[in-house]
Amino acid sequence: MRTKNRKFSFDRSNMKDFNTIRETAAITGLSEKYLRNLQKEKKLPGVYSGSRFLVNYASLMQYLSGIEPEGWERGTADHNL
C-alpha cells in the first residue's frame, strides 16, 4: 500500500537520466504540482512510458536555467531527447 507522505532518499551520484515526477520533485525541491503544471503546458522535458511520464532530468535543469536543450520543441507532447 502506498502512502502519500513517503519520504524519498536519493544518492545523486547514481541518479537515473529519467525520473518520475515524484522522484524529480524530491531531487530538485520543486513541488509535484509545479512539475505537473509544466507537464500539462507541455514544457516539461520527458517521455511517456505507458501512462507514466518520465522527466529527463538533465533537460529539465537546462530548461530551468534558461537554456533550451538540443532537439527541444516547445509545445510538443513527446520530447525525443
N, C-alpha and C. Protein backbone atom coordinates (compact mmCIF):
# COMPACT_ATOMS: atom_id res chain seq x y z
N MET A 1 0.83 -1.18 0.00
CA MET A 1 0.00 0.00 0.00
C MET A 1 0.88 1.25 0.00
N ARG A 2 0.55 2.18 -0.84
CA ARG A 2 1.31 3.42 -0.93
C ARG A 2 0.87 4.41 0.13
N THR A 3 1.82 5.20 0.57
CA THR A 3 1.48 6.29 1.47
C THR A 3 1.84 7.59 0.78
N LYS A 4 1.01 8.58 0.91
CA LYS A 4 1.24 9.86 0.23
C LYS A 4 2.46 10.59 0.75
N ASN A 5 2.74 10.49 2.01
CA ASN A 5 3.82 11.28 2.61
C ASN A 5 5.11 10.48 2.73
N ARG A 6 5.30 9.52 1.84
CA ARG A 6 6.51 8.71 1.89
C ARG A 6 7.72 9.57 1.54
N LYS A 7 8.77 9.44 2.30
CA LYS A 7 10.00 10.20 2.07
C LYS A 7 10.88 9.45 1.09
N PHE A 8 11.57 10.19 0.23
CA PHE A 8 12.48 9.60 -0.72
C PHE A 8 13.90 9.97 -0.32
N SER A 9 14.80 9.05 -0.50
CA SER A 9 16.20 9.30 -0.24
C SER A 9 16.97 8.98 -1.51
N PHE A 10 17.76 9.93 -2.00
CA PHE A 10 18.45 9.75 -3.26
C PHE A 10 19.93 9.99 -3.12
N ASP A 11 20.71 9.18 -3.80
CA ASP A 11 22.14 9.38 -3.95
C ASP A 11 22.34 9.98 -5.33
N ARG A 12 22.64 11.26 -5.42
CA ARG A 12 22.70 11.94 -6.71
C ARG A 12 23.82 11.42 -7.61
N SER A 13 24.85 10.81 -7.06
CA SER A 13 25.95 10.31 -7.89
C SER A 13 25.50 9.13 -8.75
N ASN A 14 24.42 8.48 -8.38
CA ASN A 14 23.93 7.33 -9.12
C ASN A 14 22.54 7.62 -9.70
N MET A 15 22.29 8.87 -10.06
CA MET A 15 20.97 9.28 -10.50
C MET A 15 20.68 8.80 -11.92
N LYS A 16 19.44 8.43 -12.14
CA LYS A 16 18.99 8.00 -13.46
C LYS A 16 18.81 9.22 -14.36
N ASP A 17 18.80 8.99 -15.67
CA ASP A 17 18.56 10.06 -16.62
C ASP A 17 17.09 10.48 -16.60
N PHE A 18 16.20 9.51 -16.38
CA PHE A 18 14.77 9.78 -16.36
C PHE A 18 14.20 9.40 -15.01
N ASN A 19 13.37 10.27 -14.46
CA ASN A 19 12.75 10.04 -13.16
C ASN A 19 11.26 10.34 -13.25
N THR A 20 10.49 9.75 -12.36
CA THR A 20 9.08 10.10 -12.29
C THR A 20 8.96 11.52 -11.78
N ILE A 21 7.78 12.09 -11.90
CA ILE A 21 7.56 13.44 -11.40
C ILE A 21 7.78 13.49 -9.89
N ARG A 22 7.34 12.47 -9.19
CA ARG A 22 7.52 12.43 -7.73
C ARG A 22 9.00 12.37 -7.36
N GLU A 23 9.76 11.55 -8.06
CA GLU A 23 11.20 11.47 -7.80
C GLU A 23 11.89 12.79 -8.13
N THR A 24 11.50 13.39 -9.26
CA THR A 24 12.09 14.66 -9.67
C THR A 24 11.80 15.75 -8.64
N ALA A 25 10.60 15.76 -8.11
CA ALA A 25 10.24 16.74 -7.07
C ALA A 25 11.12 16.55 -5.83
N ALA A 26 11.34 15.30 -5.44
CA ALA A 26 12.17 15.03 -4.26
C ALA A 26 13.62 15.41 -4.49
N ILE A 27 14.13 15.20 -5.70
CA ILE A 27 15.52 15.51 -6.02
C ILE A 27 15.75 17.02 -6.10
N THR A 28 14.85 17.72 -6.77
CA THR A 28 15.06 19.14 -7.07
C THR A 28 14.52 20.09 -6.00
N GLY A 29 13.55 19.63 -5.22
CA GLY A 29 12.91 20.52 -4.26
C GLY A 29 11.74 21.28 -4.87
N LEU A 30 11.50 21.09 -6.17
CA LEU A 30 10.33 21.69 -6.82
C LEU A 30 9.10 20.91 -6.39
N SER A 31 7.94 21.55 -6.37
CA SER A 31 6.74 20.83 -5.96
C SER A 31 6.23 19.95 -7.10
N GLU A 32 5.58 18.86 -6.73
CA GLU A 32 4.96 17.98 -7.73
C GLU A 32 3.93 18.76 -8.53
N LYS A 33 3.20 19.65 -7.87
CA LYS A 33 2.16 20.44 -8.55
C LYS A 33 2.79 21.31 -9.64
N TYR A 34 3.91 21.96 -9.32
CA TYR A 34 4.59 22.80 -10.30
C TYR A 34 5.04 21.96 -11.50
N LEU A 35 5.64 20.79 -11.22
CA LEU A 35 6.10 19.92 -12.30
C LEU A 35 4.94 19.42 -13.14
N ARG A 36 3.83 19.08 -12.50
CA ARG A 36 2.66 18.60 -13.25
C ARG A 36 2.06 19.73 -14.11
N ASN A 37 2.11 20.96 -13.60
CA ASN A 37 1.64 22.09 -14.39
C ASN A 37 2.53 22.29 -15.62
N LEU A 38 3.85 22.16 -15.44
CA LEU A 38 4.76 22.24 -16.59
C LEU A 38 4.44 21.15 -17.60
N GLN A 39 4.15 19.96 -17.10
CA GLN A 39 3.81 18.84 -17.99
C GLN A 39 2.53 19.15 -18.76
N LYS A 40 1.54 19.67 -18.05
CA LYS A 40 0.26 20.00 -18.68
C LYS A 40 0.44 21.04 -19.78
N GLU A 41 1.36 22.00 -19.55
CA GLU A 41 1.65 23.06 -20.52
C GLU A 41 2.63 22.59 -21.59
N LYS A 42 3.02 21.31 -21.53
CA LYS A 42 3.97 20.71 -22.47
C LYS A 42 5.32 21.41 -22.44
N LYS A 43 5.75 21.82 -21.25
CA LYS A 43 7.04 22.47 -21.07
C LYS A 43 8.01 21.59 -20.28
N LEU A 44 7.56 20.43 -19.85
CA LEU A 44 8.41 19.55 -19.05
C LEU A 44 9.05 18.52 -19.97
N PRO A 45 10.39 18.51 -20.06
CA PRO A 45 11.05 17.56 -20.96
C PRO A 45 10.98 16.14 -20.42
N GLY A 46 10.52 15.24 -21.26
CA GLY A 46 10.43 13.85 -20.86
C GLY A 46 9.62 13.04 -21.85
N VAL A 47 9.34 11.81 -21.47
CA VAL A 47 8.61 10.88 -22.33
C VAL A 47 7.61 10.09 -21.50
N TYR A 48 6.63 9.53 -22.18
CA TYR A 48 5.69 8.63 -21.53
C TYR A 48 6.20 7.20 -21.66
N SER A 49 6.11 6.47 -20.58
CA SER A 49 6.36 5.04 -20.57
C SER A 49 5.04 4.43 -20.12
N GLY A 50 4.26 4.00 -21.10
CA GLY A 50 2.89 3.59 -20.78
C GLY A 50 2.11 4.84 -20.40
N SER A 51 1.51 4.83 -19.24
CA SER A 51 0.76 6.01 -18.79
C SER A 51 1.58 6.88 -17.84
N ARG A 52 2.80 6.46 -17.54
CA ARG A 52 3.65 7.19 -16.59
C ARG A 52 4.57 8.14 -17.35
N PHE A 53 4.65 9.39 -16.88
CA PHE A 53 5.53 10.38 -17.50
C PHE A 53 6.86 10.35 -16.78
N LEU A 54 7.94 10.24 -17.56
CA LEU A 54 9.29 10.25 -17.00
C LEU A 54 10.00 11.52 -17.43
N VAL A 55 10.53 12.23 -16.46
CA VAL A 55 11.18 13.52 -16.69
C VAL A 55 12.65 13.31 -17.03
N ASN A 56 13.10 13.97 -18.09
CA ASN A 56 14.51 13.97 -18.44
C ASN A 56 15.18 15.01 -17.55
N TYR A 57 15.90 14.52 -16.55
CA TYR A 57 16.46 15.40 -15.51
C TYR A 57 17.44 16.44 -16.08
N ALA A 58 18.36 16.00 -16.92
CA ALA A 58 19.36 16.92 -17.48
C ALA A 58 18.69 18.03 -18.30
N SER A 59 17.71 17.66 -19.11
CA SER A 59 17.00 18.64 -19.92
C SER A 59 16.18 19.60 -19.06
N LEU A 60 15.61 19.08 -17.98
CA LEU A 60 14.86 19.95 -17.06
C LEU A 60 15.79 20.99 -16.45
N MET A 61 16.98 20.59 -16.05
CA MET A 61 17.93 21.54 -15.45
C MET A 61 18.33 22.60 -16.47
N GLN A 62 18.51 22.20 -17.73
CA GLN A 62 18.82 23.17 -18.78
C GLN A 62 17.66 24.12 -18.98
N TYR A 63 16.45 23.57 -19.02
CA TYR A 63 15.24 24.39 -19.21
C TYR A 63 15.10 25.42 -18.09
N LEU A 64 15.30 24.98 -16.86
CA LEU A 64 15.14 25.88 -15.72
C LEU A 64 16.22 26.96 -15.68
N SER A 65 17.40 26.66 -16.26
CA SER A 65 18.46 27.66 -16.30
C SER A 65 18.33 28.59 -17.51
N GLY A 66 17.29 28.36 -18.33
CA GLY A 66 17.03 29.25 -19.46
C GLY A 66 17.65 28.79 -20.76
N ILE A 67 18.25 27.61 -20.78
CA ILE A 67 18.86 27.09 -21.99
C ILE A 67 17.94 26.02 -22.56
N GLU A 68 17.54 26.17 -23.82
CA GLU A 68 16.71 25.15 -24.45
C GLU A 68 17.60 24.01 -24.92
N PRO A 69 17.32 22.80 -24.47
CA PRO A 69 18.12 21.64 -24.89
C PRO A 69 18.02 21.39 -26.39
N GLU A 70 19.07 20.77 -26.95
CA GLU A 70 19.05 20.42 -28.38
C GLU A 70 17.90 19.49 -28.67
N GLY A 71 17.25 19.68 -29.80
CA GLY A 71 16.15 18.82 -30.20
C GLY A 71 14.84 19.13 -29.49
N TRP A 72 14.83 20.19 -28.70
CA TRP A 72 13.67 20.56 -27.91
C TRP A 72 12.73 21.42 -28.72
N GLU A 73 11.48 21.04 -28.79
CA GLU A 73 10.46 21.85 -29.45
C GLU A 73 9.39 22.15 -28.43
N ARG A 74 9.20 23.41 -28.12
CA ARG A 74 8.15 23.78 -27.15
C ARG A 74 6.79 23.40 -27.70
N GLY A 75 5.94 22.90 -26.81
CA GLY A 75 4.57 22.62 -27.18
C GLY A 75 4.35 21.25 -27.80
N THR A 76 5.39 20.42 -27.86
CA THR A 76 5.17 19.07 -28.38
C THR A 76 4.94 18.13 -27.20
N ALA A 77 4.11 17.14 -27.41
CA ALA A 77 3.77 16.22 -26.32
C ALA A 77 4.94 15.35 -25.93
N ASP A 78 5.70 14.86 -26.88
CA ASP A 78 6.83 13.98 -26.58
C ASP A 78 8.12 14.68 -26.99
N HIS A 79 9.08 14.67 -26.12
CA HIS A 79 10.37 15.28 -26.39
C HIS A 79 11.37 14.16 -26.56
N ASN A 80 11.84 13.98 -27.78
CA ASN A 80 12.74 12.88 -28.09
C ASN A 80 14.17 13.26 -27.77
N LEU A 81 14.51 13.19 -26.51
CA LEU A 81 15.86 13.56 -26.10
C LEU A 81 16.60 12.33 -25.66
